[in-house]
Amino acid sequence: QVQLVESGGGLVQPGGSLRLSCAASGSGFSILDMGWYRQPLGEQRELVAIISSGGTTNYADSVKGRFTITRDNAKNTVYLQMNSLKVEDTAVYYCNANCFPFGITWGQGTQVTVSS
């Protein structure tokens, strides 16, 4: 089995920055794509950013130029650097990984609140 543990959420003022981390633990797996999703209160979960094992990235239009996804394959960890945060970025952020042979795995989520 694989477990994903997120950290780094919190309260920040508009224009501020946060860095989320997500580490995968377990044994007998390899990680393909890793990504971050978010779910604002009362809304559906949406893709924020995704990164392949080779480092190819893709971003939601709403975060392009502000957020950066990276990964450390040696540590089975994915990061999301969030800059110029806006009130509308407030959501629970979930880490996601496609782990062979176990399939799609989700983290427990971490709250990000952008408010003055």
Protein backbone atom coordinates (compact mmCIF):
# COMPACT_ATOMS: atom_id res chain seq x y z
CA GLN A 1 0.00 0.00 0.00
CA VAL A 2 0.93 3.63 -0.47
CA GLN A 3 0.17 6.54 1.83
CA LEU A 4 0.35 10.20 0.88
CA VAL A 5 0.89 12.74 3.66
CA GLU A 6 0.47 16.43 2.93
CA SER A 7 1.80 19.39 4.88
CA GLY A 8 2.22 23.13 4.55
CA GLY A 9 -1.31 24.47 4.50
CA GLY A 10 -2.47 27.37 6.62
CA LEU A 11 -3.76 30.93 6.70
CA VAL A 12 -2.12 33.58 4.55
CA GLN A 13 -2.97 37.10 3.47
CA PRO A 14 -3.77 37.91 -0.16
CA GLY A 15 -0.54 38.29 -2.12
CA GLY A 16 1.29 35.93 0.20
CA SER A 17 2.94 32.58 -0.44
CA LEU A 18 2.70 29.02 0.82
CA ARG A 19 4.51 25.82 -0.05
CA LEU A 20 2.70 22.50 0.13
CA SER A 21 4.51 19.17 0.37
CA CYS A 22 3.27 15.64 -0.15
CA ALA A 23 5.37 12.59 0.65
CA ALA A 24 4.53 9.05 -0.44
CA SER A 25 5.42 6.21 1.88
CA GLY A 26 5.21 2.45 1.62
CA SER A 27 7.01 -0.15 -0.42
CA GLY A 28 6.78 -2.06 -3.66
CA PHE A 29 5.55 0.78 -5.83
CA SER A 30 6.71 3.27 -8.40
CA ILE A 31 5.10 6.65 -8.92
CA LEU A 32 4.01 7.86 -12.34
CA ASP A 33 2.17 11.19 -12.40
CA MET A 34 1.77 13.27 -9.24
CA GLY A 35 -0.57 16.18 -8.84
CA TRP A 36 -2.43 18.64 -6.71
CA TYR A 37 -6.18 19.15 -6.71
CA ARG A 38 -8.31 21.51 -4.67
CA GLN A 39 -11.88 21.65 -3.49
CA PRO A 40 -13.40 24.95 -2.36
CA LEU A 41 -16.21 24.69 0.14
CA GLY A 42 -19.40 23.56 -1.56
CA GLU A 43 -17.72 23.08 -4.93
CA GLN A 44 -16.28 20.20 -6.91
CA ARG A 45 -12.67 19.08 -6.74
CA GLU A 46 -10.56 20.52 -9.55
CA LEU A 47 -7.10 19.96 -10.94
CA VAL A 48 -4.51 22.53 -9.93
CA ALA A 49 -1.28 21.11 -11.36
CA ILE A 50 0.22 17.81 -12.42
CA ILE A 51 3.77 16.62 -13.04
CA SER A 52 4.93 13.47 -14.81
CA SER A 53 7.78 11.25 -13.65
CA GLY A 54 9.91 12.96 -16.29
CA GLY A 55 9.07 16.45 -15.08
CA THR A 56 6.47 17.54 -17.63
CA THR A 57 3.99 19.89 -15.99
CA ASN A 58 0.48 21.09 -16.64
CA TYR A 59 -1.46 23.79 -14.79
CA ALA A 60 -4.99 25.03 -14.47
CA ASP A 61 -5.36 28.37 -16.22
CA SER A 62 -6.32 30.03 -12.94
CA VAL A 63 -2.92 29.33 -11.37
CA LYS A 64 -0.54 29.65 -14.32
CA GLY A 65 2.30 32.03 -13.55
CA ARG A 66 1.58 31.92 -9.80
CA PHE A 67 1.94 28.26 -8.79
CA THR A 68 4.84 25.90 -9.48
CA ILE A 69 4.76 22.13 -9.10
CA THR A 70 7.99 20.20 -8.62
CA ARG A 71 8.93 16.74 -7.42
CA ASP A 72 11.85 14.94 -5.86
CA ASN A 73 11.77 11.39 -7.18
CA ALA A 74 14.41 10.21 -4.72
CA LYS A 75 12.16 11.28 -1.85
CA ASN A 76 8.83 10.34 -3.51
CA THR A 77 7.71 13.87 -2.73
CA VAL A 78 5.81 16.48 -4.71
CA TYR A 79 5.68 20.17 -3.89
CA LEU A 80 3.39 23.05 -4.79
CA GLN A 81 4.84 26.54 -4.44
CA MET A 82 1.97 29.02 -4.37
CA ASN A 83 2.75 32.69 -4.84
CA SER A 84 0.54 35.77 -5.24
CA LEU A 85 -2.27 33.96 -3.48
CA LYS A 86 -5.82 35.19 -3.96
CA VAL A 87 -8.93 34.81 -1.85
CA GLU A 88 -10.34 32.50 -4.51
CA ASP A 89 -7.44 30.08 -3.94
CA THR A 90 -9.02 29.18 -0.60
CA ALA A 91 -9.75 25.45 -0.59
CA VAL A 92 -8.76 22.07 0.73
CA TYR A 93 -5.76 20.96 -1.32
CA TYR A 94 -5.31 17.26 -2.04
CA CYS A 95 -2.23 15.45 -3.23
CA ASN A 96 -2.73 12.73 -5.84
CA ALA A 97 -0.38 10.11 -7.21
CA ASN A 98 -0.66 7.35 -9.78
CA CYS A 99 1.26 4.56 -8.06
CA PHE A 100 2.05 1.36 -9.92
CA PRO A 101 0.75 -1.27 -9.20
CA PHE A 102 -1.74 0.20 -6.70
CA GLY A 103 -3.36 2.85 -8.90
CA ILE A 104 -4.59 6.32 -7.94
CA THR A 105 -3.92 7.33 -4.35
CA TRP A 106 -5.11 10.47 -2.52
CA GLY A 107 -3.79 12.33 0.48
CA GLN A 108 -6.01 13.43 3.35
CA GLY A 109 -6.06 17.07 2.30
CA THR A 110 -4.69 20.28 3.77
CA GLN A 111 -6.61 23.52 4.23
CA VAL A 112 -5.36 26.67 2.55
CA THR A 113 -7.14 29.87 3.56
CA VAL A 114 -6.36 33.20 1.92
CA SER A 115 -7.88 36.05 3.87
CA SER A 116 -7.04 39.47 5.19
